[in-house]
C-alpha atoms as a PDB file:
ATOM      1  CA  UNK A   1      81.991  18.389  44.709  1.00  0.00           C
ATOM      2  CA  UNK A   2      83.935  17.546  47.852  1.00  0.00           C
ATOM      3  CA  UNK A   3      87.079  19.377  48.890  1.00  0.00           C
ATOM      4  CA  UNK A   4      89.350  16.407  48.087  1.00  0.00           C
ATOM      5  CA  UNK A   5      87.801  16.090  44.634  1.00  0.00           C
ATOM      6  CA  UNK A   6      88.460  19.776  43.948  1.00  0.00           C
ATOM      7  CA  UNK A   7      92.087  19.440  45.068  1.00  0.00           C
ATOM      8  CA  UNK A   8      92.594  16.380  42.879  1.00  0.00           C
ATOM      9  CA  UNK A   9      91.047  18.142  39.899  1.00  0.00           C
ATOM     10  CA  UNK A  10      93.382  21.126  40.401  1.00  0.00           C
ATOM     11  CA  UNK A  11      96.445  18.839  40.626  1.00  0.00           C
ATOM     12  CA  UNK A  12      95.388  17.033  37.462  1.00  0.00           C
ATOM     13  CA  UNK A  13      94.857  20.292  35.570  1.00  0.00           C
ATOM     14  CA  UNK A  14      98.234  21.674  36.694  1.00  0.00           C
ATOM     15  CA  UNK A  15     100.113  18.600  35.514  1.00  0.00           C
ATOM     16  CA  UNK A  16      98.202  18.589  32.233  1.00  0.00           C
ATOM     17  CA  UNK A  17      99.186  22.212  31.669  1.00  0.00           C
ATOM     18  CA  UNK A  18     102.783  21.346  32.551  1.00  0.00           C
ATOM     19  CA  UNK A  19     102.735  18.533  29.996  1.00  0.00           C
ATOM     20  CA  UNK A  20     101.249  20.805  27.327  1.00  0.00           C
ATOM     21  CA  UNK A  21     103.852  23.516  27.959  1.00  0.00           C
ATOM     22  CA  UNK A  22     106.707  21.033  27.851  1.00  0.00           C
ATOM     23  CA  UNK A  23     105.504  19.431  24.599  1.00  0.00           C
ATOM     24  CA  UNK A  24     104.387  22.552  22.736  1.00  0.00           C
ATOM     25  CA  UNK A  25     106.928  25.130  23.868  1.00  0.00           C
ATOM     26  CA  UNK A  26     109.847  23.039  25.122  1.00  0.00           C
ATOM     27  CA  UNK A  27     109.398  24.434  28.635  1.00  0.00           C
ATOM     28  CA  UNK A  28     110.802  21.589  30.805  1.00  0.00           C
ATOM     29  CA  UNK A  29     111.302  23.291  34.178  1.00  0.00           C
ATOM     30  CA  UNK A  30     108.987  21.111  36.286  1.00  0.00           C
ATOM     31  CA  UNK A  31     109.964  17.950  34.401  1.00  0.00           C
ATOM     32  CA  UNK A  32     113.653  18.502  35.142  1.00  0.00           C
ATOM     33  CA  UNK A  33     112.913  19.210  38.788  1.00  0.00           C
ATOM     34  CA  UNK A  34     110.859  16.041  39.213  1.00  0.00           C
ATOM     35  CA  UNK A  35     113.169  13.667  37.313  1.00  0.00           C
ATOM     36  CA  UNK A  36     116.308  14.838  39.128  1.00  0.00           C
ATOM     37  CA  UNK A  37     115.125  13.094  42.324  1.00  0.00           C
ATOM     38  CA  UNK A  38     114.100   9.446  41.669  1.00  0.00           C
ATOM     39  CA  UNK A  39     111.852   8.965  44.713  1.00  0.00           C
ATOM     40  CA  UNK A  40     110.067  12.243  43.996  1.00  0.00           C
ATOM     41  CA  UNK A  41     109.360  11.078  40.449  1.00  0.00           C
ATOM     42  CA  UNK A  42     107.707   7.902  41.751  1.00  0.00           C
ATOM     43  CA  UNK A  43     105.760   9.816  44.402  1.00  0.00           C
ATOM     44  CA  UNK A  44     104.440  12.341  41.869  1.00  0.00           C
ATOM     45  CA  UNK A  45     103.421   9.521  39.507  1.00  0.00           C
ATOM     46  CA  UNK A  46     101.520   7.841  42.351  1.00  0.00           C
ATOM     47  CA  UNK A  47      99.801  11.088  43.380  1.00  0.00           C
ATOM     48  CA  UNK A  48      98.754  11.826  39.791  1.00  0.00           C
ATOM     49  CA  UNK A  49      97.386   8.278  39.457  1.00  0.00           C
ATOM     50  CA  UNK A  50      95.334   8.599  42.633  1.00  0.00           C
ATOM     51  CA  UNK A  51      94.068  12.020  41.545  1.00  0.00           C
ATOM     52  CA  UNK A  52      93.076  10.659  38.142  1.00  0.00           C
ATOM     53  CA  UNK A  53      91.142   7.826  39.809  1.00  0.00           C
ATOM     54  CA  UNK A  54      89.316  10.292  42.060  1.00  0.00           C
ATOM     55  CA  UNK A  55      88.595  12.510  39.040  1.00  0.00           C
ATOM     56  CA  UNK A  56      87.023   9.548  37.243  1.00  0.00           C
ATOM     57  CA  UNK A  57      84.834   8.882  40.279  1.00  0.00           C
ATOM     58  CA  UNK A  58      83.855  12.561  40.380  1.00  0.00           C
ATOM     59  CA  UNK A  59      82.263  12.513  36.943  1.00  0.00           C
ATOM     60  CA  UNK A  60      80.300   9.284  37.243  1.00  0.00           C
ATOM     61  CA  UNK A  61      76.518   9.570  37.055  1.00  0.00           C
ATOM     62  CA  UNK A  62      74.745  10.009  40.373  1.00  0.00           C
ATOM     63  CA  UNK A  63      72.091   7.483  41.295  1.00  0.00           C
END
């Protein structure tokens, strides 16, 4: 796994854990921080989308 793929996987896991904590326990710290600044919300959504795309490419079968 390349270094960028590892970083993207870590970012994806962190945001998944954040989502799980906010839904299960009502812990909305990171969500409130991100949604208070509109451009940051869009930037984070873009970064998560790019990371998810790279994660999908990471787990494809090798030829």
